[in-house]
Amino acid sequence: MKESIQGGDAVIFKNPEGVKLIFDDVVYGHIEVMSETLKDTVLIKSDGMPTYNYAVVIDDHCHGDHPRHPGRGPYLQHPEAASHL
């Protein structure tokens, strides 16, 4: 979805409402989370630049780096859930 923010267009991944996300994580095991607990994710900022979390994945891919299990702390569990939508 594109939204006009500060005069430019931003690309935002809008999370659906009322969806229960269930997946098995290699590190944290079985996880269930409701989509309402996740924030919408900005992929491209209104100035046309990708956000850091999006840009670093693209950069890694372009340089041939394809980590299977990147390190992450428990504070990143919910963003991980968003990637399963």
PDB file of N, CA and C in Angstrom:
ATOM      1  N   MET A   1       0.838  -1.168   0.000  1.00  0.00           N
ATOM      2  CA  MET A   1       0.000   0.000   0.000  1.00  0.00           C
ATOM      3  C   MET A   1       0.885   1.234   0.000  1.00  0.00           C
ATOM      4  N   LYS A   2       0.544   2.215  -0.785  1.00  0.00           N
ATOM      5  CA  LYS A   2       1.279   3.479  -0.792  1.00  0.00           C
ATOM      6  C   LYS A   2       0.476   4.517  -0.026  1.00  0.00           C
ATOM      7  N   GLU A   3       1.153   5.279   0.796  1.00  0.00           N
ATOM      8  CA  GLU A   3       0.526   6.369   1.531  1.00  0.00           C
ATOM      9  C   GLU A   3       1.360   7.611   1.336  1.00  0.00           C
ATOM     10  N   SER A   4       0.687   8.740   1.216  1.00  0.00           N
ATOM     11  CA  SER A   4       1.402  10.003   1.086  1.00  0.00           C
ATOM     12  C   SER A   4       1.807  10.473   2.476  1.00  0.00           C
ATOM     13  N   ILE A   5       3.109  10.604   2.680  1.00  0.00           N
ATOM     14  CA  ILE A   5       3.651  11.046   3.960  1.00  0.00           C
ATOM     15  C   ILE A   5       4.653  12.148   3.688  1.00  0.00           C
ATOM     16  N   GLN A   6       4.491  13.279   4.307  1.00  0.00           N
ATOM     17  CA  GLN A   6       5.419  14.402   4.165  1.00  0.00           C
ATOM     18  C   GLN A   6       5.666  14.743   2.690  1.00  0.00           C
ATOM     19  N   GLY A   7       4.613  14.720   1.890  1.00  0.00           N
ATOM     20  CA  GLY A   7       4.738  15.126   0.504  1.00  0.00           C
ATOM     21  C   GLY A   7       5.191  14.044  -0.452  1.00  0.00           C
ATOM     22  N   GLY A   8       5.606  12.885   0.030  1.00  0.00           N
ATOM     23  CA  GLY A   8       6.056  11.803  -0.842  1.00  0.00           C
ATOM     24  C   GLY A   8       5.243  10.555  -0.585  1.00  0.00           C
ATOM     25  N   ASP A   9       5.483   9.526  -1.373  1.00  0.00           N
ATOM     26  CA  ASP A   9       4.785   8.257  -1.181  1.00  0.00           C
ATOM     27  C   ASP A   9       5.668   7.297  -0.405  1.00  0.00           C
ATOM     28  N   ALA A  10       5.071   6.640   0.563  1.00  0.00           N
ATOM     29  CA  ALA A  10       5.756   5.600   1.325  1.00  0.00           C
ATOM     30  C   ALA A  10       5.099   4.266   0.985  1.00  0.00           C
ATOM     31  N   VAL A  11       5.887   3.214   0.972  1.00  0.00           N
ATOM     32  CA  VAL A  11       5.345   1.873   0.766  1.00  0.00           C
ATOM     33  C   VAL A  11       5.274   1.211   2.135  1.00  0.00           C
ATOM     34  N   ILE A  12       4.040   0.885   2.533  1.00  0.00           N
ATOM     35  CA  ILE A  12       3.798   0.360   3.875  1.00  0.00           C
ATOM     36  C   ILE A  12       3.096  -0.986   3.777  1.00  0.00           C
ATOM     37  N   PHE A  13       3.632  -1.980   4.479  1.00  0.00           N
ATOM     38  CA  PHE A  13       2.975  -3.280   4.576  1.00  0.00           C
ATOM     39  C   PHE A  13       1.969  -3.186   5.713  1.00  0.00           C
ATOM     40  N   LYS A  14       0.685  -3.209   5.366  1.00  0.00           N
ATOM     41  CA  LYS A  14      -0.382  -3.125   6.362  1.00  0.00           C
ATOM     42  C   LYS A  14      -0.731  -4.533   6.832  1.00  0.00           C
ATOM     43  N   ASN A  15      -0.678  -4.737   8.132  1.00  0.00           N
ATOM     44  CA  ASN A  15      -1.028  -6.038   8.681  1.00  0.00           C
ATOM     45  C   ASN A  15      -2.548  -6.200   8.702  1.00  0.00           C
ATOM     46  N   PRO A  16      -3.028  -7.385   8.347  1.00  0.00           N
ATOM     47  CA  PRO A  16      -4.472  -7.627   8.422  1.00  0.00           C
ATOM     48  C   PRO A  16      -4.914  -7.702   9.875  1.00  0.00           C
ATOM     49  N   GLU A  17      -6.182  -7.502  10.114  1.00  0.00           N
ATOM     50  CA  GLU A  17      -6.711  -7.604  11.479  1.00  0.00           C
ATOM     51  C   GLU A  17      -7.406  -8.946  11.655  1.00  0.00           C
ATOM     52  N   GLY A  18      -7.345  -9.460  12.870  1.00  0.00           N
ATOM     53  CA  GLY A  18      -8.058 -10.686  13.197  1.00  0.00           C
ATOM     54  C   GLY A  18      -7.437 -11.962  12.659  1.00  0.00           C
ATOM     55  N   VAL A  19      -6.130 -11.938  12.394  1.00  0.00           N
ATOM     56  CA  VAL A  19      -5.456 -13.127  11.872  1.00  0.00           C
ATOM     57  C   VAL A  19      -4.528 -13.679  12.953  1.00  0.00           C
ATOM     58  N   LYS A  20      -4.669 -14.961  13.241  1.00  0.00           N
ATOM     59  CA  LYS A  20      -3.776 -15.616  14.186  1.00  0.00           C
ATOM     60  C   LYS A  20      -2.621 -16.217  13.401  1.00  0.00           C
ATOM     61  N   LEU A  21      -1.417 -15.756  13.703  1.00  0.00           N
ATOM     62  CA  LEU A  21      -0.219 -16.259  13.032  1.00  0.00           C
ATOM     63  C   LEU A  21       0.381 -17.376  13.872  1.00  0.00           C
ATOM     64  N   ILE A  22       0.599 -18.503  13.244  1.00  0.00           N
ATOM     65  CA  ILE A  22       1.168 -19.664  13.930  1.00  0.00           C
ATOM     66  C   ILE A  22       2.341 -20.166  13.095  1.00  0.00           C
ATOM     67  N   PHE A  23       3.497 -20.261  13.723  1.00  0.00           N
ATOM     68  CA  PHE A  23       4.654 -20.799  13.014  1.00  0.00           C
ATOM     69  C   PHE A  23       5.649 -21.360  14.012  1.00  0.00           C
ATOM     70  N   ASP A  24       6.556 -22.186  13.493  1.00  0.00           N
ATOM     71  CA  ASP A  24       7.601 -22.774  14.318  1.00  0.00           C
ATOM     72  C   ASP A  24       8.922 -22.101  13.973  1.00  0.00           C
ATOM     73  N   ASP A  25       9.548 -21.530  14.986  1.00  0.00           N
ATOM     74  CA  ASP A  25      10.818 -20.837  14.841  1.00  0.00           C
ATOM     75  C   ASP A  25      11.935 -21.769  15.275  1.00  0.00           C
ATOM     76  N   VAL A  26      13.038 -21.784  14.543  1.00  0.00           N
ATOM     77  CA  VAL A  26      14.157 -22.671  14.858  1.00  0.00           C
ATOM     78  C   VAL A  26      14.711 -22.390  16.253  1.00  0.00           C
ATOM     79  N   VAL A  27      14.756 -21.122  16.639  1.00  0.00           N
ATOM     80  CA  VAL A  27      15.331 -20.744  17.929  1.00  0.00           C
ATOM     81  C   VAL A  27      14.297 -20.765  19.051  1.00  0.00           C
ATOM     82  N   TYR A  28      13.106 -20.173  18.807  1.00  0.00           N
ATOM     83  CA  TYR A  28      12.123 -19.970  19.869  1.00  0.00           C
ATOM     84  C   TYR A  28      10.997 -20.993  19.896  1.00  0.00           C
ATOM     85  N   GLY A  29      10.985 -21.916  18.953  1.00  0.00           N
ATOM     86  CA  GLY A  29       9.968 -22.958  18.952  1.00  0.00           C
ATOM     87  C   GLY A  29       8.634 -22.481  18.398  1.00  0.00           C
ATOM     88  N   HIS A  30       7.557 -23.076  18.902  1.00  0.00           N
ATOM     89  CA  HIS A  30       6.204 -22.791  18.428  1.00  0.00           C
ATOM     90  C   HIS A  30       5.771 -21.399  18.896  1.00  0.00           C
ATOM     91  N   ILE A  31       5.297 -20.577  17.969  1.00  0.00           N
ATOM     92  CA  ILE A  31       4.879 -19.210  18.288  1.00  0.00           C
ATOM     93  C   ILE A  31       3.497 -18.968  17.709  1.00  0.00           C
ATOM     94  N   GLU A  32       2.626 -18.384  18.525  1.00  0.00           N
ATOM     95  CA  GLU A  32       1.308 -17.948  18.083  1.00  0.00           C
ATOM     96  C   GLU A  32       1.159 -16.490  18.483  1.00  0.00           C
ATOM     97  N   VAL A  33       0.722 -15.650  17.536  1.00  0.00           N
ATOM     98  CA  VAL A  33       0.567 -14.227  17.808  1.00  0.00           C
ATOM     99  C   VAL A  33      -0.597 -13.698  16.974  1.00  0.00           C
ATOM    100  N   MET A  34      -1.372 -12.795  17.542  1.00  0.00           N
ATOM    101  CA  MET A  34      -2.464 -12.169  16.800  1.00  0.00           C
ATOM    102  C   MET A  34      -1.915 -10.993  16.000  1.00  0.00           C
ATOM    103  N   SER A  35      -2.408 -10.823  14.793  1.00  0.00           N
ATOM    104  CA  SER A  35      -1.905  -9.778  13.904  1.00  0.00           C
ATOM    105  C   SER A  35      -2.081  -8.372  14.480  1.00  0.00           C
ATOM    106  N   GLU A  36      -3.068  -8.161  15.353  1.00  0.00           N
ATOM    107  CA  GLU A  36      -3.276  -6.836  15.951  1.00  0.00           C
ATOM    108  C   GLU A  36      -2.103  -6.392  16.819  1.00  0.00           C
ATOM    109  N   THR A  37      -1.285  -7.347  17.268  1.00  0.00           N
ATOM    110  CA  THR A  37      -0.156  -6.994  18.129  1.00  0.00           C
ATOM    111  C   THR A  37       1.052  -6.522  17.320  1.00  0.00           C
ATOM    112  N   LEU A  38       0.969  -6.615  15.993  1.00  0.00           N
ATOM    113  CA  LEU A  38       2.076  -6.222  15.126  1.00  0.00           C
ATOM    114  C   LEU A  38       1.839  -4.833  14.557  1.00  0.00           C
ATOM    115  N   LYS A  39       2.898  -4.078  14.419  1.00  0.00           N
ATOM    116  CA  LYS A  39       2.803  -2.759  13.799  1.00  0.00           C
ATOM    117  C   LYS A  39       2.892  -2.905  12.282  1.00  0.00           C
ATOM    118  N   ASP A  40       2.299  -1.953  11.563  1.00  0.00           N
ATOM    119  CA  ASP A  40       2.485  -1.910  10.115  1.00  0.00           C
ATOM    120  C   ASP A  40       3.958  -1.637   9.844  1.00  0.00           C
ATOM    121  N   THR A  41       4.478  -2.162   8.743  1.00  0.00           N
ATOM    122  CA  THR A  41       5.899  -2.053   8.437  1.00  0.00           C
ATOM    123  C   THR A  41       6.132  -1.125   7.250  1.00  0.00           C
ATOM    124  N   VAL A  42       6.935  -0.102   7.465  1.00  0.00           N
ATOM    125  CA  VAL A  42       7.315   0.796   6.377  1.00  0.00           C
ATOM    126  C   VAL A  42       8.487   0.150   5.641  1.00  0.00           C
ATOM    127  N   LEU A  43       8.314  -0.096   4.332  1.00  0.00           N
ATOM    128  CA  LEU A  43       9.374  -0.685   3.529  1.00  0.00           C
ATOM    129  C   LEU A  43      10.198   0.390   2.829  1.00  0.00           C
ATOM    130  N   ILE A  44       9.496   1.367   2.225  1.00  0.00           N
ATOM    131  CA  ILE A  44      10.151   2.477   1.536  1.00  0.00           C
ATOM    132  C   ILE A  44       9.632   3.770   2.163  1.00  0.00           C
ATOM    133  N   LYS A  45      10.535   4.605   2.634  1.00  0.00           N
ATOM    134  CA  LYS A  45      10.154   5.870   3.261  1.00  0.00           C
ATOM    135  C   LYS A  45       9.668   6.871   2.219  1.00  0.00           C
ATOM    136  N   SER A  46       9.025   7.929   2.681  1.00  0.00           N
ATOM    137  CA  SER A  46       8.457   8.927   1.772  1.00  0.00           C
ATOM    138  C   SER A  46       9.520   9.643   0.947  1.00  0.00           C
ATOM    139  N   ASP A  47      10.781   9.582   1.375  1.00  0.00           N
ATOM    140  CA  ASP A  47      11.854  10.200   0.587  1.00  0.00           C
ATOM    141  C   ASP A  47      12.399   9.240  -0.481  1.00  0.00           C
ATOM    142  N   GLY A  48      11.777   8.052  -0.599  1.00  0.00           N
ATOM    143  CA  GLY A  48      12.177   7.090  -1.622  1.00  0.00           C
ATOM    144  C   GLY A  48      13.239   6.107  -1.176  1.00  0.00           C
ATOM    145  N   MET A  49      13.756   6.261   0.027  1.00  0.00           N
ATOM    146  CA  MET A  49      14.810   5.374   0.531  1.00  0.00           C
ATOM    147  C   MET A  49      14.198   4.206   1.304  1.00  0.00           C
ATOM    148  N   PRO A  50      14.755   3.009   1.126  1.00  0.00           N
ATOM    149  CA  PRO A  50      14.253   1.878   1.905  1.00  0.00           C
ATOM    150  C   PRO A  50      14.655   2.018   3.369  1.00  0.00           C
ATOM    151  N   THR A  51      13.841   1.459   4.247  1.00  0.00           N
ATOM    152  CA  THR A  51      14.199   1.468   5.662  1.00  0.00           C
ATOM    153  C   THR A  51      15.385   0.542   5.879  1.00  0.00           C
ATOM    154  N   TYR A  52      16.086   0.710   6.985  1.00  0.00           N
ATOM    155  CA  TYR A  52      17.305  -0.060   7.238  1.00  0.00           C
ATOM    156  C   TYR A  52      17.035  -1.563   7.206  1.00  0.00           C
ATOM    157  N   ASN A  53      16.000  -2.023   7.923  1.00  0.00           N
ATOM    158  CA  ASN A  53      15.742  -3.459   8.007  1.00  0.00           C
ATOM    159  C   ASN A  53      15.447  -4.069   6.649  1.00  0.00           C
ATOM    160  N   TYR A  54      14.872  -3.289   5.743  1.00  0.00           N
ATOM    161  CA  TYR A  54      14.586  -3.763   4.388  1.00  0.00           C
ATOM    162  C   TYR A  54      15.840  -3.660   3.523  1.00  0.00           C
ATOM    163  N   ALA A  55      16.551  -2.549   3.637  1.00  0.00           N
ATOM    164  CA  ALA A  55      17.729  -2.307   2.804  1.00  0.00           C
ATOM    165  C   ALA A  55      18.841  -3.313   3.088  1.00  0.00           C
ATOM    166  N   VAL A  56      19.033  -3.685   4.334  1.00  0.00           N
ATOM    167  CA  VAL A  56      20.134  -4.587   4.674  1.00  0.00           C
ATOM    168  C   VAL A  56      19.908  -5.978   4.076  1.00  0.00           C
ATOM    169  N   VAL A  57      18.667  -6.403   3.981  1.00  0.00           N
ATOM    170  CA  VAL A  57      18.365  -7.704   3.367  1.00  0.00           C
ATOM    171  C   VAL A  57      18.664  -7.655   1.877  1.00  0.00           C
ATOM    172  N   ILE A  58      18.275  -6.564   1.222  1.00  0.00           N
ATOM    173  CA  ILE A  58      18.560  -6.401  -0.206  1.00  0.00           C
ATOM    174  C   ILE A  58      20.069  -6.356  -0.439  1.00  0.00           C
ATOM    175  N   ASP A  59      20.787  -5.611   0.398  1.00  0.00           N
ATOM    176  CA  ASP A  59      22.236  -5.502   0.272  1.00  0.00           C
ATOM    177  C   ASP A  59      22.905  -6.869   0.441  1.00  0.00           C
ATOM    178  N   ASP A  60      22.480  -7.618   1.460  1.00  0.00           N
ATOM    179  CA  ASP A  60      23.039  -8.957   1.672  1.00  0.00           C
ATOM    180  C   ASP A  60      22.807  -9.837   0.448  1.00  0.00           C
ATOM    181  N   HIS A  61      21.615  -9.782  -0.091  1.00  0.00           N
ATOM    182  CA  HIS A  61      21.286 -10.603  -1.260  1.00  0.00           C
ATOM    183  C   HIS A  61      22.157 -10.218  -2.465  1.00  0.00           C
ATOM    184  N   CYS A  62      22.304  -8.929  -2.688  1.00  0.00           N
ATOM    185  CA  CYS A  62      23.102  -8.452  -3.828  1.00  0.00           C
ATOM    186  C   CYS A  62      24.578  -8.846  -3.710  1.00  0.00           C
ATOM    187  N   HIS A  63      25.041  -9.050  -2.480  1.00  0.00           N
ATOM    188  CA  HIS A  63      26.435  -9.437  -2.274  1.00  0.00           C
ATOM    189  C   HIS A  63      26.600 -10.947  -2.108  1.00  0.00           C
ATOM    190  N   GLY A  64      25.530 -11.702  -2.382  1.00  0.00           N
ATOM    191  CA  GLY A  64      25.616 -13.157  -2.339  1.00  0.00           C
ATOM    192  C   GLY A  64      25.577 -13.744  -0.944  1.00  0.00           C
ATOM    193  N   ASP A  65      25.220 -12.945   0.052  1.00  0.00           N
ATOM    194  CA  ASP A  65      25.144 -13.434   1.427  1.00  0.00           C
ATOM    195  C   ASP A  65      23.712 -13.876   1.700  1.00  0.00           C
ATOM    196  N   HIS A  66      23.516 -15.164   1.953  1.00  0.00           N
ATOM    197  CA  HIS A  66      22.178 -15.698   2.181  1.00  0.00           C
ATOM    198  C   HIS A  66      22.140 -16.456   3.512  1.00  0.00           C
ATOM    199  N   PRO A  67      22.164 -15.729   4.642  1.00  0.00           N
ATOM    200  CA  PRO A  67      22.139 -16.423   5.933  1.00  0.00           C
ATOM    201  C   PRO A  67      20.822 -17.169   6.124  1.00  0.00           C
ATOM    202  N   ARG A  68      20.913 -18.395   6.610  1.00  0.00           N
ATOM    203  CA  ARG A  68      19.708 -19.185   6.843  1.00  0.00           C
ATOM    204  C   ARG A  68      19.069 -18.850   8.185  1.00  0.00           C
ATOM    205  N   HIS A  69      19.883 -18.580   9.188  1.00  0.00           N
ATOM    206  CA  HIS A  69      19.360 -18.326  10.525  1.00  0.00           C
ATOM    207  C   HIS A  69      20.071 -17.122  11.128  1.00  0.00           C
ATOM    208  N   PRO A  70      19.669 -15.926  10.732  1.00  0.00           N
ATOM    209  CA  PRO A  70      20.331 -14.743  11.293  1.00  0.00           C
ATOM    210  C   PRO A  70      20.073 -14.630  12.781  1.00  0.00           C
ATOM    211  N   GLY A  71      21.057 -14.123  13.514  1.00  0.00           N
ATOM    212  CA  GLY A  71      20.892 -13.953  14.947  1.00  0.00           C
ATOM    213  C   GLY A  71      19.877 -12.867  15.248  1.00  0.00           C
ATOM    214  N   ARG A  72      19.059 -13.080  16.260  1.00  0.00           N
ATOM    215  CA  ARG A  72      18.090 -12.078  16.663  1.00  0.00           C
ATOM    216  C   ARG A  72      17.697 -12.332  18.100  1.00  0.00           C
ATOM    217  N   GLY A  73      17.368 -11.274  18.786  1.00  0.00           N
ATOM    218  CA  GLY A  73      16.948 -11.374  20.172  1.00  0.00           C
ATOM    219  C   GLY A  73      15.440 -11.522  20.275  1.00  0.00           C
ATOM    220  N   PRO A  74      14.938 -11.795  21.474  1.00  0.00           N
ATOM    221  CA  PRO A  74      13.493 -11.969  21.658  1.00  0.00           C
ATOM    222  C   PRO A  74      12.697 -10.711  21.297  1.00  0.00           C
ATOM    223  N   TYR A  75      13.329  -9.529  21.363  1.00  0.00           N
ATOM    224  CA  TYR A  75      12.624  -8.302  21.015  1.00  0.00           C
ATOM    225  C   TYR A  75      12.296  -8.233  19.530  1.00  0.00           C
ATOM    226  N   LEU A  76      12.880  -9.117  18.722  1.00  0.00           N
ATOM    227  CA  LEU A  76      12.588  -9.148  17.291  1.00  0.00           C
ATOM    228  C   LEU A  76      11.616 -10.261  16.923  1.00  0.00           C
ATOM    229  N   GLN A  77      11.045 -10.922  17.903  1.00  0.00           N
ATOM    230  CA  GLN A  77      10.117 -12.009  17.613  1.00  0.00           C
ATOM    231  C   GLN A  77       8.906 -11.529  16.828  1.00  0.00           C
ATOM    232  N   HIS A  78       8.304 -10.432  17.222  1.00  0.00           N
ATOM    233  CA  HIS A  78       7.097  -9.977  16.537  1.00  0.00           C
ATOM    234  C   HIS A  78       7.372  -9.526  15.117  1.00  0.00           C
ATOM    235  N   PRO A  79       8.460  -8.781  14.820  1.00  0.00           N
ATOM    236  CA  PRO A  79       8.742  -8.495  13.414  1.00  0.00           C
ATOM    237  C   PRO A  79       8.935  -9.770  12.590  1.00  0.00           C
ATOM    238  N   GLU A  80       9.481 -10.792  13.219  1.00  0.00           N
ATOM    239  CA  GLU A  80       9.620 -12.078  12.535  1.00  0.00           C
ATOM    240  C   GLU A  80       8.244 -12.598  12.149  1.00  0.00           C
ATOM    241  N   ALA A  81       7.279 -12.449  13.034  1.00  0.00           N
ATOM    242  CA  ALA A  81       5.928 -12.906  12.730  1.00  0.00           C
ATOM    243  C   ALA A  81       5.360 -12.177  11.529  1.00  0.00           C
ATOM    244  N   ALA A  82       5.651 -10.902  11.401  1.00  0.00           N
ATOM    245  CA  ALA A  82       5.131 -10.124  10.281  1.00  0.00           C
ATOM    246  C   ALA A  82       5.617 -10.663   8.948  1.00  0.00           C
ATOM    247  N   SER A  83       6.798 -11.248   8.916  1.00  0.00           N
ATOM    248  CA  SER A  83       7.334 -11.755   7.653  1.00  0.00           C
ATOM    249  C   SER A  83       6.592 -12.998   7.189  1.00  0.00           C
ATOM    250  N   HIS A  84       5.767 -13.590   8.044  1.00  0.00           N
ATOM    251  CA  HIS A  84       5.000 -14.784   7.676  1.00  0.00           C
ATOM    252  C   HIS A  84       3.637 -14.437   7.097  1.00  0.00           C
ATOM    253  N   LEU A  85       3.285 -13.146   7.054  1.00  0.00           N
ATOM    254  CA  LEU A  85       1.974 -12.755   6.515  1.00  0.00           C
ATOM    255  C   LEU A  85       1.977 -12.816   5.011  1.00  0.00           C
TER     256      LEU A  85
END
